[in-house]
Amino acid sequence: IRTASVMLEVGDLDETASRLTRIAEVAGGFIADSSYAQAGSTPEGTFVLRVPAPRFADVLSQVESLGHVQQRHISGQDVTEEYVDLQARVRNLERYEQRLLALVDRAAKVSDLLEIEQELARVRGEIEMLTGRARYLDRQVDLAMIQVSARQQTTQSGGFWDFSGTLTKIQTAFLLTIRQLLRAAEAMVVALSALVPVLALAGIVWLVIRRIRARAQA
């Protein structure tokens, strides 16, 4: 059983997911599982490829070409001994099953028949369990597994002049100036509002004094 796990840094996660699907399908395999996550502002994804064992090395090479490989682990497990043991145990249980079936026809008592039926059920259950394990090993041997963890590269501006950063600074300074002008205008309006009653009163006093002087001259 061959398995591999690869950690990649990629340019575009969505494009990488599409290319992984194509790689698996062209090789005669499929994507067994996939998941997406957002780590802060960085998209991440995990993909499990199942591909025919003879194509394992070729597919792994194609996967690693999709980005910068940050980590890789390859492992193999020899299950030949376990598989042979399973087959031997199944054959022995099948022979035992045949002997139990022969006893069913010769059972003289109902109690004996029930006991044989119970033993048959147990043996058949064990046979199914062992054959299921053997089928699982067959699938694992036929299809290798490659787990890919992909992280999208964070976009960083480079060069001598960070134009986007400069625009942000200009915008911030402009808004700050506007706010200061608005505050100054607001303070002026408040001050004028406070002077209106005083000016009105001064105007009334001036008119009264003017009339008094006019009468005195007359």
C-alpha atoms as a PDB file:
ATOM      1  CA  ILE A   1       0.000   0.000   0.000  1.00  0.00           C
ATOM      2  CA  ARG A   2       1.604   3.274  -1.127  1.00  0.00           C
ATOM      3  CA  THR A   3       0.683   6.631   0.369  1.00  0.00           C
ATOM      4  CA  ALA A   4       2.108  10.130   0.162  1.00  0.00           C
ATOM      5  CA  SER A   5       1.386  13.487   1.756  1.00  0.00           C
ATOM      6  CA  VAL A   6       2.497  16.734   0.135  1.00  0.00           C
ATOM      7  CA  MET A   7       2.281  20.327   1.358  1.00  0.00           C
ATOM      8  CA  LEU A   8       2.280  22.922  -1.425  1.00  0.00           C
ATOM      9  CA  GLU A   9       2.320  26.694  -1.688  1.00  0.00           C
ATOM     10  CA  VAL A  10       0.382  27.628  -4.832  1.00  0.00           C
ATOM     11  CA  GLY A  11      -0.500  30.759  -6.755  1.00  0.00           C
ATOM     12  CA  ASP A  12      -4.248  30.156  -7.085  1.00  0.00           C
ATOM     13  CA  LEU A  13      -6.087  27.602  -4.945  1.00  0.00           C
ATOM     14  CA  ASP A  14      -9.138  27.246  -7.219  1.00  0.00           C
ATOM     15  CA  GLU A  15      -6.977  26.581 -10.267  1.00  0.00           C
ATOM     16  CA  THR A  16      -4.911  24.080  -8.279  1.00  0.00           C
ATOM     17  CA  ALA A  17      -8.083  22.216  -7.254  1.00  0.00           C
ATOM     18  CA  SER A  18      -9.190  21.965 -10.895  1.00  0.00           C
ATOM     19  CA  ARG A  19      -5.781  20.732 -12.027  1.00  0.00           C
ATOM     20  CA  LEU A  20      -5.635  18.131  -9.246  1.00  0.00           C
ATOM     21  CA  THR A  21      -9.008  16.794 -10.380  1.00  0.00           C
ATOM     22  CA  ARG A  22      -7.796  16.539 -13.977  1.00  0.00           C
ATOM     23  CA  ILE A  23      -4.544  14.834 -12.936  1.00  0.00           C
ATOM     24  CA  ALA A  24      -6.432  12.211 -10.917  1.00  0.00           C
ATOM     25  CA  GLU A  25      -9.016  11.544 -13.642  1.00  0.00           C
ATOM     26  CA  VAL A  26      -6.458  11.283 -16.454  1.00  0.00           C
ATOM     27  CA  ALA A  27      -4.533   8.737 -14.373  1.00  0.00           C
ATOM     28  CA  GLY A  28      -7.698   6.672 -13.947  1.00  0.00           C
ATOM     29  CA  GLY A  29      -8.364   7.777 -10.381  1.00  0.00           C
ATOM     30  CA  PHE A  30     -10.517  10.310  -8.571  1.00  0.00           C
ATOM     31  CA  ILE A  31     -10.649  12.871  -5.758  1.00  0.00           C
ATOM     32  CA  ALA A  32     -11.798  10.908  -2.710  1.00  0.00           C
ATOM     33  CA  ASP A  33     -12.128  13.922  -0.420  1.00  0.00           C
ATOM     34  CA  SER A  34     -11.600  17.684  -0.462  1.00  0.00           C
ATOM     35  CA  SER A  35     -12.040  20.536   1.989  1.00  0.00           C
ATOM     36  CA  TYR A  36     -11.464  24.287   2.018  1.00  0.00           C
ATOM     37  CA  ALA A  37     -10.629  26.711   4.826  1.00  0.00           C
ATOM     38  CA  GLN A  38      -9.702  30.364   5.264  1.00  0.00           C
ATOM     39  CA  ALA A  39      -6.712  30.947   7.545  1.00  0.00           C
ATOM     40  CA  GLY A  40      -6.922  34.698   8.002  1.00  0.00           C
ATOM     41  CA  SER A  41      -6.614  36.093   4.488  1.00  0.00           C
ATOM     42  CA  THR A  42      -4.966  32.932   3.130  1.00  0.00           C
ATOM     43  CA  PRO A  43      -7.162  30.261   1.453  1.00  0.00           C
ATOM     44  CA  GLU A  44      -6.182  26.661   2.187  1.00  0.00           C
ATOM     45  CA  GLY A  45      -7.395  23.329   0.873  1.00  0.00           C
ATOM     46  CA  THR A  46      -6.857  19.624   1.469  1.00  0.00           C
ATOM     47  CA  PHE A  47      -7.370  17.055  -1.289  1.00  0.00           C
ATOM     48  CA  VAL A  48      -7.137  13.256  -1.202  1.00  0.00           C
ATOM     49  CA  LEU A  49      -6.330  11.623  -4.539  1.00  0.00           C
ATOM     50  CA  ARG A  50      -6.852   7.904  -5.172  1.00  0.00           C
ATOM     51  CA  VAL A  51      -4.968   6.740  -8.258  1.00  0.00           C
ATOM     52  CA  PRO A  52      -3.919   3.346  -9.666  1.00  0.00           C
ATOM     53  CA  ALA A  53      -0.807   2.125  -7.872  1.00  0.00           C
ATOM     54  CA  PRO A  54       1.293   1.861 -11.088  1.00  0.00           C
ATOM     55  CA  ARG A  55       0.687   5.595 -11.712  1.00  0.00           C
ATOM     56  CA  PHE A  56       1.676   6.638  -8.185  1.00  0.00           C
ATOM     57  CA  ALA A  57       5.115   8.101  -8.973  1.00  0.00           C
ATOM     58  CA  ASP A  58       3.939   9.865 -12.138  1.00  0.00           C
ATOM     59  CA  VAL A  59       0.924  11.442 -10.432  1.00  0.00           C
ATOM     60  CA  LEU A  60       3.020  12.513  -7.440  1.00  0.00           C
ATOM     61  CA  SER A  61       5.459  14.259  -9.780  1.00  0.00           C
ATOM     62  CA  GLN A  62       2.604  16.114 -11.510  1.00  0.00           C
ATOM     63  CA  VAL A  63       1.137  17.155  -8.164  1.00  0.00           C
ATOM     64  CA  GLU A  64       4.450  18.567  -6.963  1.00  0.00           C
ATOM     65  CA  SER A  65       4.800  20.603 -10.171  1.00  0.00           C
ATOM     66  CA  LEU A  66       1.686  22.628  -9.242  1.00  0.00           C
ATOM     67  CA  GLY A  67       3.507  24.737  -6.667  1.00  0.00           C
ATOM     68  CA  HIS A  68       6.380  25.078  -4.263  1.00  0.00           C
ATOM     69  CA  VAL A  69       6.817  21.879  -2.230  1.00  0.00           C
ATOM     70  CA  GLN A  70       7.150  22.747   1.442  1.00  0.00           C
ATOM     71  CA  GLN A  71       6.886  19.226   2.824  1.00  0.00           C
ATOM     72  CA  ARG A  72       6.637  15.681   1.465  1.00  0.00           C
ATOM     73  CA  HIS A  73       6.260  12.278   3.076  1.00  0.00           C
ATOM     74  CA  ILE A  74       6.042   8.925   1.269  1.00  0.00           C
ATOM     75  CA  SER A  75       5.314   5.609   2.941  1.00  0.00           C
ATOM     76  CA  GLY A  76       4.619   2.035   1.940  1.00  0.00           C
ATOM     77  CA  GLN A  77       3.098  -0.906   3.761  1.00  0.00           C
ATOM     78  CA  ASP A  78       3.509  -4.542   2.792  1.00  0.00           C
ATOM     79  CA  VAL A  79       0.225  -6.339   3.499  1.00  0.00           C
ATOM     80  CA  THR A  80       1.101  -9.597   1.738  1.00  0.00           C
ATOM     81  CA  GLU A  81       1.446 -11.570   4.961  1.00  0.00           C
ATOM     82  CA  GLU A  82      -1.854 -10.289   6.339  1.00  0.00           C
ATOM     83  CA  TYR A  83      -3.631 -10.978   3.047  1.00  0.00           C
ATOM     84  CA  VAL A  84      -2.345 -14.564   2.855  1.00  0.00           C
ATOM     85  CA  ASP A  85      -3.364 -15.139   6.480  1.00  0.00           C
ATOM     86  CA  LEU A  86      -6.868 -13.828   5.775  1.00  0.00           C
ATOM     87  CA  GLN A  87      -7.292 -16.162   2.824  1.00  0.00           C
ATOM     88  CA  ALA A  88      -6.160 -19.167   4.872  1.00  0.00           C
ATOM     89  CA  ARG A  89      -8.555 -18.341   7.708  1.00  0.00           C
ATOM     90  CA  VAL A  90     -11.448 -17.912   5.284  1.00  0.00           C
ATOM     91  CA  ARG A  91     -10.746 -21.312   3.678  1.00  0.00           C
ATOM     92  CA  ASN A  92     -10.649 -23.017   7.083  1.00  0.00           C
ATOM     93  CA  LEU A  93     -13.905 -21.384   8.146  1.00  0.00           C
ATOM     94  CA  GLU A  94     -15.587 -22.361   4.875  1.00  0.00           C
ATOM     95  CA  ARG A  95     -14.601 -26.008   5.427  1.00  0.00           C
ATOM     96  CA  TYR A  96     -15.945 -25.804   8.973  1.00  0.00           C
ATOM     97  CA  GLU A  97     -19.166 -24.320   7.599  1.00  0.00           C
ATOM     98  CA  GLN A  98     -19.589 -27.297   5.272  1.00  0.00           C
ATOM     99  CA  ARG A  99     -19.188 -29.723   8.178  1.00  0.00           C
ATOM    100  CA  LEU A 100     -21.825 -27.837  10.161  1.00  0.00           C
ATOM    101  CA  LEU A 101     -24.209 -27.972   7.213  1.00  0.00           C
ATOM    102  CA  ALA A 102     -23.724 -31.733   7.055  1.00  0.00           C
ATOM    103  CA  LEU A 103     -24.606 -31.988  10.755  1.00  0.00           C
ATOM    104  CA  VAL A 104     -27.870 -30.133  10.179  1.00  0.00           C
ATOM    105  CA  ASP A 105     -29.243 -33.057   8.173  1.00  0.00           C
ATOM    106  CA  ARG A 106     -28.274 -35.522  10.909  1.00  0.00           C
ATOM    107  CA  ALA A 107     -29.532 -33.519  13.887  1.00  0.00           C
ATOM    108  CA  ALA A 108     -32.030 -35.635  15.847  1.00  0.00           C
ATOM    109  CA  LYS A 109     -33.127 -33.028  18.385  1.00  0.00           C
ATOM    110  CA  VAL A 110     -34.436 -29.525  18.005  1.00  0.00           C
ATOM    111  CA  SER A 111     -31.948 -28.335  20.620  1.00  0.00           C
ATOM    112  CA  ASP A 112     -29.076 -29.806  18.591  1.00  0.00           C
ATOM    113  CA  LEU A 113     -30.396 -28.126  15.453  1.00  0.00           C
ATOM    114  CA  LEU A 114     -30.626 -24.747  17.196  1.00  0.00           C
ATOM    115  CA  GLU A 115     -27.089 -25.084  18.516  1.00  0.00           C
ATOM    116  CA  ILE A 116     -25.768 -25.899  15.040  1.00  0.00           C
ATOM    117  CA  GLU A 117     -27.651 -22.952  13.526  1.00  0.00           C
ATOM    118  CA  GLN A 118     -26.135 -20.588  16.092  1.00  0.00           C
ATOM    119  CA  GLU A 119     -22.649 -21.860  15.315  1.00  0.00           C
ATOM    120  CA  LEU A 120     -23.322 -21.494  11.594  1.00  0.00           C
ATOM    121  CA  ALA A 121     -24.380 -17.867  12.109  1.00  0.00           C
ATOM    122  CA  ARG A 122     -21.197 -17.149  14.054  1.00  0.00           C
ATOM    123  CA  VAL A 123     -18.968 -18.783  11.428  1.00  0.00           C
ATOM    124  CA  ARG A 124     -20.671 -16.986   8.552  1.00  0.00           C
ATOM    125  CA  GLY A 125     -20.322 -13.661  10.363  1.00  0.00           C
ATOM    126  CA  GLU A 126     -16.601 -14.245  10.821  1.00  0.00           C
ATOM    127  CA  ILE A 127     -16.231 -15.226   7.162  1.00  0.00           C
ATOM    128  CA  GLU A 128     -17.940 -12.004   6.076  1.00  0.00           C
ATOM    129  CA  MET A 129     -15.697  -9.941   8.348  1.00  0.00           C
ATOM    130  CA  LEU A 130     -12.512 -11.546   7.018  1.00  0.00           C
ATOM    131  CA  THR A 131     -13.559 -11.326   3.368  1.00  0.00           C
ATOM    132  CA  GLY A 132     -14.487  -7.672   3.919  1.00  0.00           C
ATOM    133  CA  ARG A 133     -11.018  -7.000   5.285  1.00  0.00           C
ATOM    134  CA  ALA A 134      -9.487  -8.787   2.287  1.00  0.00           C
ATOM    135  CA  ARG A 135     -11.532  -6.678  -0.141  1.00  0.00           C
ATOM    136  CA  TYR A 136     -10.423  -3.536   1.697  1.00  0.00           C
ATOM    137  CA  LEU A 137      -6.769  -4.539   1.318  1.00  0.00           C
ATOM    138  CA  ASP A 138      -7.366  -5.230  -2.378  1.00  0.00           C
ATOM    139  CA  ARG A 139      -8.668  -1.692  -2.867  1.00  0.00           C
ATOM    140  CA  GLN A 140      -5.825  -0.178  -0.871  1.00  0.00           C
ATOM    141  CA  VAL A 141      -3.240  -2.071  -2.897  1.00  0.00           C
ATOM    142  CA  ASP A 142      -4.874  -1.271  -6.237  1.00  0.00           C
ATOM    143  CA  LEU A 143      -5.345   2.449  -5.503  1.00  0.00           C
ATOM    144  CA  ALA A 144      -2.541   4.504  -3.998  1.00  0.00           C
ATOM    145  CA  MET A 145      -3.414   7.563  -1.912  1.00  0.00           C
ATOM    146  CA  ILE A 146      -1.886  11.035  -2.211  1.00  0.00           C
ATOM    147  CA  GLN A 147      -2.973  13.692   0.273  1.00  0.00           C
ATOM    148  CA  VAL A 148      -2.307  17.252  -0.849  1.00  0.00           C
ATOM    149  CA  SER A 149      -2.402  20.245   1.499  1.00  0.00           C
ATOM    150  CA  ALA A 150      -2.320  23.450  -0.566  1.00  0.00           C
ATOM    151  CA  ARG A 151      -1.992  27.023   0.677  1.00  0.00           C
ATOM    152  CA  GLN A 152      -2.402  30.020  -1.597  1.00  0.00           C
ATOM    153  CA  GLN A 153       0.511  32.450  -1.618  1.00  0.00           C
ATOM    154  CA  THR A 154      -0.136  35.780   0.057  1.00  0.00           C
ATOM    155  CA  THR A 155       0.038  38.703  -2.372  1.00  0.00           C
ATOM    156  CA  GLN A 156       2.813  41.116  -1.470  1.00  0.00           C
ATOM    157  CA  SER A 157       3.612  44.292  -3.378  1.00  0.00           C
ATOM    158  CA  GLY A 158       7.257  44.794  -4.218  1.00  0.00           C
ATOM    159  CA  GLY A 159       9.473  47.378  -5.861  1.00  0.00           C
ATOM    160  CA  PHE A 160      10.887  50.716  -4.790  1.00  0.00           C
ATOM    161  CA  TRP A 161       7.515  52.479  -4.635  1.00  0.00           C
ATOM    162  CA  ASP A 162       4.431  50.804  -3.221  1.00  0.00           C
ATOM    163  CA  PHE A 163       1.894  52.711  -5.323  1.00  0.00           C
ATOM    164  CA  SER A 164      -1.149  51.180  -3.657  1.00  0.00           C
ATOM    165  CA  GLY A 165       0.230  52.137  -0.246  1.00  0.00           C
ATOM    166  CA  THR A 166       0.885  55.696  -1.430  1.00  0.00           C
ATOM    167  CA  LEU A 167      -2.687  56.061  -2.675  1.00  0.00           C
ATOM    168  CA  THR A 168      -3.955  54.890   0.681  1.00  0.00           C
ATOM    169  CA  LYS A 169      -1.817  57.463   2.478  1.00  0.00           C
ATOM    170  CA  ILE A 170      -3.008  60.255   0.146  1.00  0.00           C
ATOM    171  CA  GLN A 171      -6.621  59.271   0.687  1.00  0.00           C
ATOM    172  CA  THR A 172      -6.159  59.214   4.458  1.00  0.00           C
ATOM    173  CA  ALA A 173      -4.464  62.648   4.482  1.00  0.00           C
ATOM    174  CA  PHE A 174      -7.189  64.129   2.254  1.00  0.00           C
ATOM    175  CA  LEU A 175      -9.983  62.847   4.476  1.00  0.00           C
ATOM    176  CA  LEU A 176      -8.170  64.127   7.566  1.00  0.00           C
ATOM    177  CA  THR A 177      -7.875  67.620   6.004  1.00  0.00           C
ATOM    178  CA  ILE A 178     -11.572  67.638   5.092  1.00  0.00           C
ATOM    179  CA  ARG A 179     -12.517  66.664   8.632  1.00  0.00           C
ATOM    180  CA  GLN A 180     -10.348  69.449  10.064  1.00  0.00           C
ATOM    181  CA  LEU A 181     -11.913  72.042   7.728  1.00  0.00           C
ATOM    182  CA  LEU A 182     -15.401  70.884   8.656  1.00  0.00           C
ATOM    183  CA  ARG A 183     -14.566  71.150  12.343  1.00  0.00           C
ATOM    184  CA  ALA A 184     -13.213  74.704  11.829  1.00  0.00           C
ATOM    185  CA  ALA A 185     -16.346  75.709   9.909  1.00  0.00           C
ATOM    186  CA  GLU A 186     -18.508  74.193  12.623  1.00  0.00           C
ATOM    187  CA  ALA A 187     -16.640  76.170  15.308  1.00  0.00           C
ATOM    188  CA  MET A 188     -17.076  79.384  13.293  1.00  0.00           C
ATOM    189  CA  VAL A 189     -20.810  78.803  12.902  1.00  0.00           C
ATOM    190  CA  VAL A 190     -21.164  78.170  16.629  1.00  0.00           C
ATOM    191  CA  ALA A 191     -19.227  81.363  17.431  1.00  0.00           C
ATOM    192  CA  LEU A 192     -21.361  83.442  15.062  1.00  0.00           C
ATOM    193  CA  SER A 193     -24.515  81.938  16.515  1.00  0.00           C
ATOM    194  CA  ALA A 194     -23.391  83.060  19.968  1.00  0.00           C
ATOM    195  CA  LEU A 195     -22.732  86.635  18.708  1.00  0.00           C
ATOM    196  CA  VAL A 196     -26.129  87.086  17.019  1.00  0.00           C
ATOM    197  CA  PRO A 197     -28.038  88.043  20.216  1.00  0.00           C
ATOM    198  CA  VAL A 198     -25.262  90.442  21.246  1.00  0.00           C
ATOM    199  CA  LEU A 199     -25.213  92.126  17.840  1.00  0.00           C
ATOM    200  CA  ALA A 200     -29.001  92.378  17.814  1.00  0.00           C
ATOM    201  CA  LEU A 201     -29.015  94.014  21.248  1.00  0.00           C
ATOM    202  CA  ALA A 202     -26.246  96.409  20.206  1.00  0.00           C
ATOM    203  CA  GLY A 203     -28.264  97.363  17.139  1.00  0.00           C
ATOM    204  CA  ILE A 204     -31.340  98.140  19.227  1.00  0.00           C
ATOM    205  CA  VAL A 205     -29.312 100.260  21.662  1.00  0.00           C
ATOM    206  CA  TRP A 206     -27.758 102.158  18.767  1.00  0.00           C
ATOM    207  CA  LEU A 207     -31.199 102.895  17.275  1.00  0.00           C
ATOM    208  CA  VAL A 208     -32.524 104.140  20.638  1.00  0.00           C
ATOM    209  CA  ILE A 209     -29.529 106.420  21.148  1.00  0.00           C
ATOM    210  CA  ARG A 210     -29.879 107.785  17.624  1.00  0.00           C
ATOM    211  CA  ARG A 211     -33.537 108.676  18.160  1.00  0.00           C
ATOM    212  CA  ILE A 212     -32.775 110.340  21.477  1.00  0.00           C
ATOM    213  CA  ARG A 213     -30.080 112.476  19.846  1.00  0.00           C
ATOM    214  CA  ALA A 214     -32.406 113.381  16.979  1.00  0.00           C
ATOM    215  CA  ARG A 215     -35.091 114.621  19.381  1.00  0.00           C
ATOM    216  CA  ALA A 216     -32.564 116.617  21.397  1.00  0.00           C
ATOM    217  CA  GLN A 217     -31.360 118.431  18.288  1.00  0.00           C
ATOM    218  CA  ALA A 218     -34.934 119.197  17.257  1.00  0.00           C
END
